[in-house]
N, C-alpha and C. Protein backbone atom coordinates (compact mmCIF):
# COMPACT_ATOMS: atom_id res chain seq x y z
N MET A 1 36.73 -237.99 8.21
CA MET A 1 36.62 -239.34 8.79
C MET A 1 38.05 -240.01 8.87
N SER A 2 38.35 -240.73 9.92
CA SER A 2 39.68 -241.25 9.98
C SER A 2 39.83 -242.38 8.84
N GLY A 3 41.05 -242.97 8.54
CA GLY A 3 41.30 -243.83 7.51
C GLY A 3 40.90 -245.25 8.22
N GLY A 4 40.93 -246.08 7.08
CA GLY A 4 40.72 -247.58 7.57
C GLY A 4 39.06 -247.59 7.83
N SER A 5 38.89 -248.64 8.71
CA SER A 5 37.58 -249.02 9.12
C SER A 5 37.10 -248.05 10.26
N GLU A 6 37.85 -247.05 10.67
CA GLU A 6 37.47 -246.17 11.99
C GLU A 6 36.25 -245.21 11.51
N ILE A 7 35.31 -245.03 12.41
CA ILE A 7 34.32 -244.19 12.07
C ILE A 7 34.09 -243.18 13.40
N ALA A 8 33.91 -242.03 13.36
CA ALA A 8 33.81 -241.11 14.43
C ALA A 8 32.36 -241.17 15.04
N VAL A 9 32.41 -241.07 16.31
CA VAL A 9 31.16 -240.90 17.09
C VAL A 9 31.28 -239.71 18.03
N GLN A 10 30.12 -239.23 18.67
CA GLN A 10 30.04 -238.17 19.54
C GLN A 10 30.65 -238.21 20.95
N GLU A 11 31.59 -237.46 21.22
CA GLU A 11 32.29 -237.40 22.59
C GLU A 11 31.08 -237.37 23.66
N SER A 12 31.40 -238.11 24.63
CA SER A 12 30.55 -237.95 25.79
C SER A 12 30.48 -236.71 26.54
N LEU A 13 29.02 -236.42 26.79
CA LEU A 13 28.74 -235.09 27.45
C LEU A 13 27.92 -235.59 28.70
N PRO A 14 28.02 -234.48 29.85
CA PRO A 14 27.09 -234.73 30.97
C PRO A 14 25.55 -235.20 30.66
N GLY A 15 25.04 -236.22 30.91
CA GLY A 15 23.55 -236.69 30.67
C GLY A 15 23.53 -237.15 29.39
N THR A 16 24.68 -237.58 28.76
CA THR A 16 24.49 -238.32 27.47
C THR A 16 25.15 -239.75 27.55
N ILE A 17 24.96 -240.57 26.45
CA ILE A 17 25.98 -241.60 26.41
C ILE A 17 26.38 -241.66 24.95
N THR A 18 27.40 -242.16 24.51
CA THR A 18 28.18 -242.17 23.18
C THR A 18 27.42 -243.56 22.48
N ARG A 19 27.60 -243.53 21.16
CA ARG A 19 27.01 -244.65 20.52
C ARG A 19 28.02 -245.81 20.80
N ARG A 20 29.36 -245.48 21.02
CA ARG A 20 30.25 -246.61 21.30
C ARG A 20 30.25 -247.07 22.62
N ASP A 21 29.89 -246.21 23.64
CA ASP A 21 29.81 -246.97 25.02
C ASP A 21 28.44 -247.57 25.05
N ALA A 22 27.38 -247.15 24.30
CA ALA A 22 26.15 -247.97 24.29
C ALA A 22 26.29 -249.29 23.85
N ALA A 23 27.07 -249.36 22.62
CA ALA A 23 27.24 -250.69 21.94
C ALA A 23 28.16 -251.58 22.81
N ARG A 24 29.19 -251.03 23.28
CA ARG A 24 29.99 -251.94 24.28
C ARG A 24 29.09 -252.51 25.43
N LEU A 25 28.51 -251.60 25.94
CA LEU A 25 27.51 -251.97 27.10
C LEU A 25 26.46 -253.24 26.62
N LEU A 26 25.97 -253.06 25.43
CA LEU A 26 25.01 -254.18 24.89
C LEU A 26 25.61 -255.28 24.44
N ILE A 27 26.87 -255.19 23.82
CA ILE A 27 27.75 -256.42 23.42
C ILE A 27 27.95 -257.25 24.60
N SER A 28 28.40 -256.43 25.66
CA SER A 28 28.94 -257.09 27.05
C SER A 28 27.76 -257.79 27.63
N ALA A 29 26.52 -257.17 27.44
CA ALA A 29 25.39 -257.81 28.10
C ALA A 29 25.01 -259.15 27.27
N ALA A 30 25.14 -258.80 26.02
CA ALA A 30 24.74 -260.13 25.24
C ALA A 30 25.74 -261.32 25.56
N ALA A 31 27.06 -261.11 25.67
CA ALA A 31 27.99 -262.16 25.93
C ALA A 31 27.56 -262.87 27.28
N SER A 32 26.91 -262.14 28.40
CA SER A 32 26.41 -262.58 29.47
C SER A 32 25.37 -263.17 29.41
N GLY A 33 24.47 -263.23 28.26
CA GLY A 33 23.30 -263.75 28.05
C GLY A 33 22.07 -263.04 28.75
N LEU A 34 22.36 -261.62 29.06
CA LEU A 34 21.48 -261.10 29.74
C LEU A 34 20.46 -259.97 28.99
N VAL A 35 20.38 -259.94 27.59
CA VAL A 35 19.57 -259.33 26.73
C VAL A 35 19.05 -260.34 25.69
N LEU A 36 18.17 -259.83 24.88
CA LEU A 36 17.49 -260.57 23.90
C LEU A 36 18.67 -260.89 22.74
N PRO A 37 18.43 -262.07 22.02
CA PRO A 37 19.37 -262.40 21.23
C PRO A 37 19.82 -261.40 20.09
N VAL A 38 18.80 -260.58 19.71
CA VAL A 38 19.16 -259.50 18.81
C VAL A 38 20.31 -258.60 18.99
N PHE A 39 20.69 -258.54 20.37
CA PHE A 39 21.92 -257.81 20.73
C PHE A 39 23.11 -258.63 20.57
N ALA A 40 23.11 -260.02 20.37
CA ALA A 40 24.24 -260.95 20.38
C ALA A 40 24.77 -261.02 18.98
N SER A 41 24.35 -260.39 17.89
CA SER A 41 24.82 -260.47 16.69
C SER A 41 26.24 -260.25 16.46
N GLU A 42 27.02 -261.00 15.68
CA GLU A 42 28.35 -260.69 15.13
C GLU A 42 28.41 -259.75 13.99
N HIS A 43 27.25 -259.08 13.57
CA HIS A 43 27.06 -258.31 12.51
C HIS A 43 28.51 -257.09 12.63
N SER A 44 28.75 -256.81 11.55
CA SER A 44 29.92 -255.72 11.58
C SER A 44 29.37 -254.36 12.16
N ALA A 45 28.34 -254.08 11.93
CA ALA A 45 27.67 -252.92 12.48
C ALA A 45 28.08 -252.57 13.97
N TRP A 46 27.72 -253.69 14.77
CA TRP A 46 27.92 -253.41 16.16
C TRP A 46 29.47 -253.13 16.38
N HIS A 47 30.30 -254.05 15.68
CA HIS A 47 31.80 -253.69 16.04
C HIS A 47 32.48 -252.42 15.45
N HIS A 48 31.84 -252.03 14.17
CA HIS A 48 31.95 -250.48 13.90
C HIS A 48 31.97 -249.47 14.97
N ILE A 49 30.65 -249.74 15.60
CA ILE A 49 30.23 -248.78 16.61
C ILE A 49 31.10 -248.78 17.76
N ALA A 50 31.32 -250.00 18.27
CA ALA A 50 31.89 -250.17 19.69
C ALA A 50 33.39 -249.78 19.41
N GLY A 51 34.13 -250.12 18.52
CA GLY A 51 35.49 -249.72 18.19
C GLY A 51 35.71 -248.49 17.59
N ALA A 52 34.84 -247.69 17.78
CA ALA A 52 35.11 -246.40 16.92
C ALA A 52 35.96 -245.47 17.50
N THR A 53 36.45 -244.64 16.71
CA THR A 53 37.38 -243.54 17.15
C THR A 53 36.51 -242.29 17.53
N VAL A 54 36.89 -241.93 18.84
CA VAL A 54 36.04 -240.81 19.34
C VAL A 54 36.35 -239.40 18.77
N SER A 55 35.15 -238.75 18.15
CA SER A 55 35.17 -237.53 17.63
C SER A 55 33.90 -236.89 17.83
N SER A 56 33.76 -235.64 17.82
CA SER A 56 32.38 -234.97 17.90
C SER A 56 31.71 -234.54 16.72
N SER A 57 32.52 -234.53 15.51
CA SER A 57 31.97 -233.66 14.29
C SER A 57 31.09 -234.55 13.57
N GLU A 58 31.45 -235.86 13.11
CA GLU A 58 30.68 -236.41 12.20
C GLU A 58 29.16 -236.95 12.78
N GLU A 59 29.17 -237.46 13.99
CA GLU A 59 27.86 -237.73 14.52
C GLU A 59 26.98 -236.53 14.75
N ALA A 60 27.51 -235.43 15.17
CA ALA A 60 26.87 -234.19 15.42
C ALA A 60 26.20 -233.62 14.06
N ALA A 61 27.00 -233.79 12.89
CA ALA A 61 26.62 -233.65 11.55
C ALA A 61 25.27 -234.45 11.16
N LEU A 62 25.03 -235.35 11.84
CA LEU A 62 23.85 -236.24 11.57
C LEU A 62 22.27 -235.31 11.56
N ALA A 63 22.64 -234.56 12.48
CA ALA A 63 21.31 -233.63 12.89
C ALA A 63 21.26 -232.28 12.14
N SER A 64 22.34 -231.97 11.46
CA SER A 64 22.51 -230.77 10.52
C SER A 64 21.30 -230.75 9.48
N ALA A 65 20.88 -229.41 9.41
CA ALA A 65 19.83 -229.47 8.22
C ALA A 65 20.64 -229.49 6.85
N SER A 66 22.00 -229.42 6.87
CA SER A 66 22.61 -229.45 5.72
C SER A 66 23.29 -230.74 5.28
N TRP A 67 22.89 -231.77 6.22
CA TRP A 67 23.47 -233.19 6.13
C TRP A 67 23.16 -233.74 4.91
N LYS A 68 24.10 -234.35 4.21
CA LYS A 68 24.04 -235.09 2.98
C LYS A 68 24.60 -236.42 3.06
N PRO A 69 24.13 -237.56 2.45
CA PRO A 69 24.21 -238.88 2.46
C PRO A 69 25.81 -239.15 1.76
N LEU A 70 26.48 -240.24 2.33
CA LEU A 70 27.58 -240.40 1.83
C LEU A 70 27.58 -241.63 0.85
N VAL A 71 26.65 -242.59 1.04
CA VAL A 71 26.59 -243.69 0.26
C VAL A 71 25.13 -243.92 -0.39
N LEU A 72 24.25 -243.53 0.48
CA LEU A 72 22.84 -243.66 -0.08
C LEU A 72 22.26 -242.43 -1.00
N SER A 73 21.36 -242.56 -1.80
CA SER A 73 20.92 -241.44 -2.41
C SER A 73 19.95 -240.81 -1.51
N ILE A 74 19.31 -239.51 -1.96
CA ILE A 74 18.49 -238.95 -1.23
C ILE A 74 17.02 -239.83 -0.85
N ALA A 75 16.59 -240.37 -2.09
CA ALA A 75 15.54 -241.24 -2.09
C ALA A 75 15.72 -242.59 -1.28
N GLN A 76 16.85 -243.18 -1.36
CA GLN A 76 17.29 -244.28 -0.70
C GLN A 76 17.19 -243.97 0.90
N GLU A 77 17.79 -242.83 1.15
CA GLU A 77 17.77 -242.53 2.70
C GLU A 77 16.31 -242.31 3.08
N GLU A 78 15.54 -241.77 2.33
CA GLU A 78 13.94 -241.64 2.92
C GLU A 78 13.31 -242.88 2.93
N GLU A 79 13.66 -243.78 2.02
CA GLU A 79 13.03 -245.05 2.10
C GLU A 79 13.68 -245.93 3.39
N LEU A 80 14.80 -245.77 3.69
CA LEU A 80 15.35 -246.30 4.75
C LEU A 80 14.91 -245.73 5.97
N ARG A 81 14.59 -244.28 6.14
CA ARG A 81 14.19 -243.56 7.34
C ARG A 81 12.73 -244.04 7.66
N VAL A 82 12.01 -244.39 6.51
CA VAL A 82 10.50 -244.85 6.77
C VAL A 82 10.54 -246.19 7.36
N LEU A 83 11.31 -246.97 6.54
CA LEU A 83 11.53 -248.43 6.84
C LEU A 83 11.89 -248.60 8.31
N SER A 84 12.94 -248.00 8.84
CA SER A 84 13.42 -248.05 9.98
C SER A 84 12.34 -247.73 11.07
N GLU A 85 11.61 -246.54 10.90
CA GLU A 85 10.54 -245.96 11.71
C GLU A 85 9.59 -247.11 12.00
N ALA A 86 9.12 -247.82 10.86
CA ALA A 86 8.12 -248.80 10.79
C ALA A 86 8.54 -250.07 11.66
N MET A 87 9.95 -250.31 11.57
CA MET A 87 10.39 -251.27 12.24
C MET A 87 10.67 -251.10 13.81
N LEU A 88 11.35 -249.76 14.11
CA LEU A 88 11.49 -249.36 15.34
C LEU A 88 11.13 -247.91 15.68
N ALA A 89 9.84 -247.71 16.29
CA ALA A 89 9.50 -246.37 16.47
C ALA A 89 10.51 -245.58 17.36
N GLY A 90 10.72 -244.43 16.73
CA GLY A 90 11.78 -243.61 17.54
C GLY A 90 13.08 -243.52 16.58
N SER A 91 13.16 -244.51 15.52
CA SER A 91 14.44 -244.26 14.57
C SER A 91 14.53 -243.13 14.06
N THR A 92 13.61 -242.37 13.59
CA THR A 92 13.86 -241.19 13.03
C THR A 92 14.45 -240.08 14.05
N LYS A 93 14.07 -240.13 15.17
CA LYS A 93 14.60 -239.11 16.21
C LYS A 93 16.05 -239.49 16.60
N ALA A 94 16.32 -240.84 16.47
CA ALA A 94 17.60 -241.28 16.59
C ALA A 94 18.65 -241.20 15.33
N PHE A 95 18.16 -240.69 14.31
CA PHE A 95 18.81 -240.59 12.98
C PHE A 95 19.29 -241.81 12.65
N VAL A 96 18.67 -242.87 12.73
CA VAL A 96 19.04 -244.30 12.33
C VAL A 96 19.46 -244.19 10.93
N SER A 97 18.73 -243.89 9.82
CA SER A 97 18.99 -243.89 8.35
C SER A 97 20.24 -243.27 8.18
N ARG A 98 20.59 -242.06 8.67
CA ARG A 98 21.79 -241.36 8.49
C ARG A 98 22.83 -241.79 9.28
N PHE A 99 22.84 -242.63 10.41
CA PHE A 99 23.77 -243.28 10.84
C PHE A 99 24.33 -244.42 10.15
N ILE A 100 23.15 -245.23 9.63
CA ILE A 100 23.63 -246.38 8.83
C ILE A 100 24.24 -246.06 7.67
N ASP A 101 24.03 -244.89 6.96
CA ASP A 101 24.69 -244.27 5.77
C ASP A 101 26.06 -243.97 6.33
N LEU A 102 26.44 -243.48 7.25
CA LEU A 102 27.68 -243.38 8.02
C LEU A 102 28.50 -244.60 8.06
N LEU A 103 27.84 -245.65 8.67
CA LEU A 103 28.59 -247.12 8.76
C LEU A 103 28.87 -247.58 7.69
N LEU A 104 27.88 -247.42 6.63
CA LEU A 104 28.12 -248.02 5.10
C LEU A 104 29.29 -247.22 4.51
N SER A 105 29.64 -246.29 4.73
CA SER A 105 30.70 -245.37 4.16
C SER A 105 31.90 -245.99 4.45
N VAL A 106 32.08 -246.80 5.49
CA VAL A 106 33.45 -247.42 6.02
C VAL A 106 33.42 -248.99 5.55
N GLU A 107 32.25 -249.36 4.95
CA GLU A 107 32.20 -250.79 4.54
C GLU A 107 32.60 -251.02 3.11
N THR A 108 32.76 -252.17 2.78
CA THR A 108 33.33 -252.65 1.34
C THR A 108 32.21 -252.50 0.38
N ASP A 109 32.56 -252.44 -0.82
CA ASP A 109 31.72 -252.34 -2.04
C ASP A 109 30.65 -253.38 -1.79
N VAL A 110 31.22 -254.54 -1.57
CA VAL A 110 30.25 -255.78 -1.62
C VAL A 110 29.17 -255.63 -0.45
N THR A 111 29.48 -255.20 0.65
CA THR A 111 28.39 -255.00 1.67
C THR A 111 27.60 -253.80 1.39
N GLN A 112 28.07 -252.81 0.73
CA GLN A 112 27.27 -251.62 0.24
C GLN A 112 26.12 -252.08 -0.67
N LYS A 113 26.53 -252.92 -1.47
CA LYS A 113 25.52 -253.45 -2.67
C LYS A 113 24.63 -254.28 -2.07
N LYS A 114 25.05 -255.09 -1.02
CA LYS A 114 24.07 -256.23 -0.56
C LYS A 114 23.15 -255.36 0.11
N PHE A 115 23.46 -254.24 1.03
CA PHE A 115 22.43 -253.42 1.68
C PHE A 115 21.48 -252.75 0.82
N LEU A 116 22.13 -252.19 -0.29
CA LEU A 116 21.32 -251.53 -1.28
C LEU A 116 20.25 -252.35 -1.97
N GLY A 117 20.73 -253.67 -2.14
CA GLY A 117 20.14 -254.57 -2.74
C GLY A 117 18.76 -254.95 -1.83
N SER A 118 19.01 -254.99 -0.79
CA SER A 118 17.84 -255.45 0.27
C SER A 118 17.03 -254.53 0.45
N LEU A 119 17.38 -253.16 0.36
CA LEU A 119 16.58 -251.99 0.54
C LEU A 119 15.78 -251.80 -0.93
N ALA A 120 16.35 -252.12 -1.85
CA ALA A 120 15.71 -252.02 -3.24
C ALA A 120 14.45 -253.18 -3.21
N ALA A 121 14.93 -254.51 -2.65
CA ALA A 121 14.01 -255.59 -2.71
C ALA A 121 12.78 -255.28 -1.81
N MET A 122 12.87 -254.60 -0.78
CA MET A 122 11.71 -254.17 0.13
C MET A 122 10.82 -253.34 -0.62
N ASP A 123 11.44 -252.28 -1.27
CA ASP A 123 10.65 -251.26 -1.98
C ASP A 123 9.92 -252.19 -3.20
N GLU A 124 10.43 -252.99 -3.88
CA GLU A 124 9.88 -253.74 -5.00
C GLU A 124 8.81 -254.66 -4.56
N GLU A 125 8.97 -255.22 -3.22
CA GLU A 125 7.99 -255.92 -2.57
C GLU A 125 6.68 -255.17 -2.34
N ALA A 126 6.98 -253.97 -1.74
CA ALA A 126 5.83 -253.00 -1.53
C ALA A 126 5.18 -252.60 -2.77
N SER A 127 5.78 -252.41 -3.93
CA SER A 127 5.02 -252.01 -5.17
C SER A 127 4.42 -253.11 -5.61
N GLU A 128 4.82 -254.38 -5.63
CA GLU A 128 4.12 -255.41 -6.17
C GLU A 128 2.92 -255.78 -5.32
N LYS A 129 2.91 -255.55 -3.93
CA LYS A 129 1.64 -255.85 -3.27
C LYS A 129 0.80 -254.80 -3.17
N PHE A 130 1.20 -253.45 -3.10
CA PHE A 130 0.56 -252.31 -2.75
C PHE A 130 0.43 -251.30 -3.97
N GLY A 131 1.29 -251.51 -4.87
CA GLY A 131 1.42 -250.55 -6.13
C GLY A 131 2.19 -249.20 -5.85
N LYS A 132 2.79 -249.35 -4.86
CA LYS A 132 3.60 -248.13 -4.31
C LYS A 132 4.81 -248.41 -3.52
N PRO A 133 5.88 -247.46 -3.37
CA PRO A 133 7.05 -247.88 -2.60
C PRO A 133 6.77 -247.79 -1.24
N PHE A 134 7.62 -248.52 -0.41
CA PHE A 134 7.39 -248.53 0.96
C PHE A 134 7.05 -247.12 1.74
N SER A 135 8.01 -246.14 1.49
CA SER A 135 7.77 -245.03 1.87
C SER A 135 6.19 -244.23 1.72
N LYS A 136 5.57 -244.94 0.85
CA LYS A 136 4.29 -244.37 0.72
C LYS A 136 3.23 -245.19 1.11
N LEU A 137 3.50 -246.27 1.90
CA LEU A 137 2.44 -247.20 2.57
C LEU A 137 1.96 -246.51 3.55
N THR A 138 0.71 -246.84 4.00
CA THR A 138 0.07 -246.58 5.14
C THR A 138 0.71 -247.20 6.30
N ALA A 139 0.47 -246.80 7.56
CA ALA A 139 1.19 -247.59 8.62
C ALA A 139 0.55 -249.01 8.68
N GLN A 140 -0.65 -249.17 8.33
CA GLN A 140 -1.24 -250.56 8.32
C GLN A 140 -0.56 -251.36 7.35
N GLU A 141 -0.39 -250.84 6.08
CA GLU A 141 0.14 -251.52 5.00
C GLU A 141 1.78 -251.94 5.31
N GLN A 142 2.38 -251.06 5.89
CA GLN A 142 3.74 -251.19 6.32
C GLN A 142 3.85 -252.29 7.30
N ALA A 143 2.96 -252.50 8.42
CA ALA A 143 2.85 -253.37 9.30
C ALA A 143 2.53 -254.83 8.68
N SER A 144 1.90 -254.75 7.66
CA SER A 144 1.29 -256.03 7.06
C SER A 144 2.55 -256.59 6.33
N LEU A 145 3.01 -255.81 5.50
CA LEU A 145 4.31 -256.19 4.64
C LEU A 145 5.50 -256.66 5.58
N LEU A 146 5.68 -255.96 6.53
CA LEU A 146 6.79 -256.51 7.47
C LEU A 146 6.44 -257.72 8.16
N SER A 147 5.26 -257.92 8.54
CA SER A 147 4.92 -259.01 9.32
C SER A 147 4.96 -260.31 8.27
N SER A 148 4.76 -260.07 7.02
CA SER A 148 4.53 -261.02 5.89
C SER A 148 6.09 -261.48 5.57
N VAL A 149 6.92 -260.55 5.55
CA VAL A 149 8.38 -260.91 5.22
C VAL A 149 9.20 -261.59 6.23
N SER A 150 8.82 -261.07 7.46
CA SER A 150 9.71 -261.35 8.54
C SER A 150 9.09 -262.90 9.10
N ARG A 151 8.05 -263.38 8.65
CA ARG A 151 7.58 -264.70 9.05
C ARG A 151 7.74 -265.81 7.98
N ALA A 152 8.26 -265.23 6.85
CA ALA A 152 8.56 -266.20 5.81
C ALA A 152 9.37 -267.30 6.03
N PRO A 153 8.89 -268.54 5.87
CA PRO A 153 9.85 -269.53 5.86
C PRO A 153 11.04 -269.58 4.96
N ARG A 154 12.07 -270.19 5.62
CA ARG A 154 13.45 -270.35 4.85
C ARG A 154 13.51 -271.43 3.98
N SER A 155 12.96 -271.47 2.84
CA SER A 155 12.75 -272.53 2.02
C SER A 155 13.43 -272.38 0.69
N GLY A 156 14.31 -271.46 0.37
CA GLY A 156 15.07 -271.33 -0.88
C GLY A 156 14.44 -270.60 -1.87
N ASP A 157 13.16 -270.32 -1.73
CA ASP A 157 12.35 -269.77 -2.95
C ASP A 157 12.29 -268.17 -2.79
N MET A 158 11.41 -267.45 -3.68
CA MET A 158 11.56 -266.04 -3.49
C MET A 158 11.14 -265.32 -2.28
N THR A 159 10.24 -265.94 -1.74
CA THR A 159 9.58 -265.73 -0.28
C THR A 159 10.76 -265.43 0.63
N SER A 160 11.44 -266.70 0.54
CA SER A 160 12.52 -267.02 1.58
C SER A 160 13.65 -265.78 1.24
N ALA A 161 14.02 -265.55 0.12
CA ALA A 161 14.76 -264.37 -0.41
C ALA A 161 14.46 -263.10 0.30
N MET A 162 13.21 -262.69 0.28
CA MET A 162 12.79 -261.54 0.89
C MET A 162 12.86 -261.60 2.61
N ARG A 163 12.69 -262.74 3.03
CA ARG A 163 13.06 -262.80 4.42
C ARG A 163 14.62 -262.68 4.66
N GLY A 164 15.44 -263.03 3.79
CA GLY A 164 16.83 -262.60 4.05
C GLY A 164 16.99 -261.17 3.65
N HIS A 165 16.40 -260.62 2.94
CA HIS A 165 16.59 -259.05 2.69
C HIS A 165 16.14 -258.35 4.06
N PHE A 166 14.98 -258.75 4.49
CA PHE A 166 14.55 -258.29 5.82
C PHE A 166 15.37 -258.49 6.84
N GLU A 167 16.17 -259.67 7.05
CA GLU A 167 17.04 -259.76 8.20
C GLU A 167 18.20 -258.89 8.04
N ASP A 168 18.66 -258.81 6.71
CA ASP A 168 19.87 -257.99 6.51
C ASP A 168 19.69 -256.51 6.94
N LEU A 169 18.46 -256.05 6.59
CA LEU A 169 18.26 -254.59 6.87
C LEU A 169 17.90 -254.48 8.50
N LYS A 170 17.57 -255.38 9.08
CA LYS A 170 17.20 -255.46 10.68
C LYS A 170 18.60 -255.51 11.21
N GLU A 171 19.38 -256.28 10.74
CA GLU A 171 20.82 -256.24 11.28
C GLU A 171 21.48 -254.96 11.36
N TRP A 172 21.31 -254.02 10.49
CA TRP A 172 21.76 -252.64 10.62
C TRP A 172 20.90 -251.52 11.39
N ILE A 173 19.69 -251.79 11.26
CA ILE A 173 18.73 -250.76 11.89
C ILE A 173 18.76 -251.15 13.41
N VAL A 174 18.70 -252.29 13.93
CA VAL A 174 18.84 -252.54 15.49
C VAL A 174 19.94 -251.76 16.01
N PRO A 175 21.26 -252.22 15.63
CA PRO A 175 22.34 -251.45 16.37
C PRO A 175 22.35 -250.05 16.19
N ALA A 176 21.98 -249.49 14.88
CA ALA A 176 21.96 -248.06 14.79
C ALA A 176 21.01 -247.35 15.84
N TYR A 177 19.88 -248.11 16.09
CA TYR A 177 18.67 -247.57 16.90
C TYR A 177 19.21 -247.64 18.49
N TYR A 178 19.62 -249.00 18.73
CA TYR A 178 19.93 -249.12 20.48
C TYR A 178 21.14 -248.74 20.78
N SER A 179 22.14 -248.22 19.88
CA SER A 179 23.31 -247.63 20.29
C SER A 179 23.10 -246.17 20.54
N SER A 180 21.98 -245.54 20.03
CA SER A 180 21.74 -244.33 20.26
C SER A 180 21.07 -243.84 21.51
N GLU A 181 20.99 -242.81 22.07
CA GLU A 181 20.70 -242.29 23.37
C GLU A 181 19.27 -242.45 23.41
N VAL A 182 18.58 -242.42 22.23
CA VAL A 182 17.18 -242.56 22.20
C VAL A 182 16.70 -244.15 22.50
N GLY A 183 17.40 -245.04 21.84
CA GLY A 183 17.22 -246.36 22.24
C GLY A 183 17.51 -246.85 23.45
N MET A 184 18.82 -246.39 24.16
CA MET A 184 19.29 -246.70 25.50
C MET A 184 18.42 -246.24 26.54
N ARG A 185 17.66 -244.96 26.14
CA ARG A 185 16.76 -244.59 27.26
C ARG A 185 15.56 -245.42 27.14
N GLU A 186 15.12 -245.93 26.05
CA GLU A 186 13.97 -246.93 25.91
C GLU A 186 14.33 -248.22 26.73
N LEU A 187 15.58 -248.57 26.75
CA LEU A 187 16.00 -249.82 27.49
C LEU A 187 16.09 -249.44 29.11
N GLY A 188 15.91 -248.34 29.52
CA GLY A 188 15.96 -247.82 30.88
C GLY A 188 17.23 -247.26 31.25
N TRP A 189 18.19 -246.92 30.41
CA TRP A 189 19.35 -246.28 30.76
C TRP A 189 18.97 -244.73 31.09
N THR A 190 19.48 -244.17 32.04
CA THR A 190 19.45 -242.78 32.59
C THR A 190 21.03 -242.24 32.91
N PRO A 191 21.23 -240.77 32.74
CA PRO A 191 22.44 -240.36 32.95
C PRO A 191 23.13 -240.62 34.41
N ASP A 192 22.08 -240.87 35.45
CA ASP A 192 22.58 -241.04 36.80
C ASP A 192 22.58 -242.43 37.30
N ARG A 193 22.42 -243.32 36.26
CA ARG A 193 22.11 -244.72 36.78
C ARG A 193 22.83 -245.74 35.58
N VAL A 194 23.56 -246.55 36.28
CA VAL A 194 24.19 -247.72 35.74
C VAL A 194 23.28 -248.87 35.63
N PHE A 195 23.07 -249.64 34.66
CA PHE A 195 22.19 -250.81 34.82
C PHE A 195 22.62 -251.78 35.93
N GLY A 196 21.88 -252.22 37.01
CA GLY A 196 22.04 -252.99 38.01
C GLY A 196 21.93 -254.49 37.39
N SER A 197 21.06 -254.51 36.34
CA SER A 197 21.08 -255.81 35.64
C SER A 197 20.64 -255.20 34.15
N TYR A 198 21.16 -256.12 33.09
CA TYR A 198 20.82 -255.50 31.84
C TYR A 198 19.44 -255.57 31.58
N PRO A 199 18.91 -254.57 30.74
CA PRO A 199 17.57 -254.59 30.31
C PRO A 199 17.35 -255.42 29.21
N THR A 200 15.97 -255.60 28.72
CA THR A 200 15.54 -256.36 27.57
C THR A 200 14.95 -255.54 26.62
N CYS A 201 15.14 -255.67 25.35
CA CYS A 201 14.21 -255.00 24.46
C CYS A 201 12.71 -255.14 24.49
N THR A 202 12.04 -254.07 24.38
CA THR A 202 10.54 -254.34 24.46
C THR A 202 9.91 -254.45 23.39
N HIS A 203 10.66 -254.23 22.07
CA HIS A 203 9.80 -254.65 20.85
C HIS A 203 9.87 -256.26 20.52
N ALA A 204 8.81 -256.67 19.88
CA ALA A 204 8.53 -257.97 19.71
C ALA A 204 9.56 -258.57 18.90
N GLU A 205 10.17 -259.82 19.00
CA GLU A 205 11.12 -260.45 18.11
C GLU A 205 10.35 -261.05 16.92
N THR A 206 10.98 -261.09 15.84
CA THR A 206 10.30 -261.79 14.70
C THR A 206 10.89 -263.37 14.81
N ASP A 207 9.93 -264.15 14.17
CA ASP A 207 10.34 -265.55 14.40
C ASP A 207 11.73 -265.88 13.71
N SER A 208 12.42 -266.93 14.35
CA SER A 208 13.59 -267.15 13.58
C SER A 208 13.48 -268.17 12.48
């Protein structure tokens, strides 16, 4: 990996779109008010992707059978993979959990610890409500838990803290998914077509 905050992404091939180009497209659209607010975030994940140094090796390695996490433990990556899939179907195919691990590897210790704290809090919430970690919940239990924490009021209590953890995780999962070719195709991107008008996310937004 390059030094500083640079991060490698896949070089563009015929019929593909790089995460960098996808992120730039969505950030530009958000600035024009043409996509849902979820793309208007100032979260560093978007800017890591959009400002990336172009290289084929590291993102290509995300699909490798020999892939190993840089920041997350194997168990944490599994939890994140299941959580991401529950929030945005298709995240596993887009290697969202692995890409977030790559993004975290160029982040500060403070940011890494905050992310890991949010991931652990979600797991603890699952264990408290259902007696098992999030990755072991049924689809119905996952949906119930996510609905509960995403709609919690911002009141300064423990429930509100869980809402904050959910929002933190979402801020990483959304750009990791929608900057992928899988996510862009969901929005209507095709290799032979440039958006005439910018698309909108088809997933329901959580309450603010």
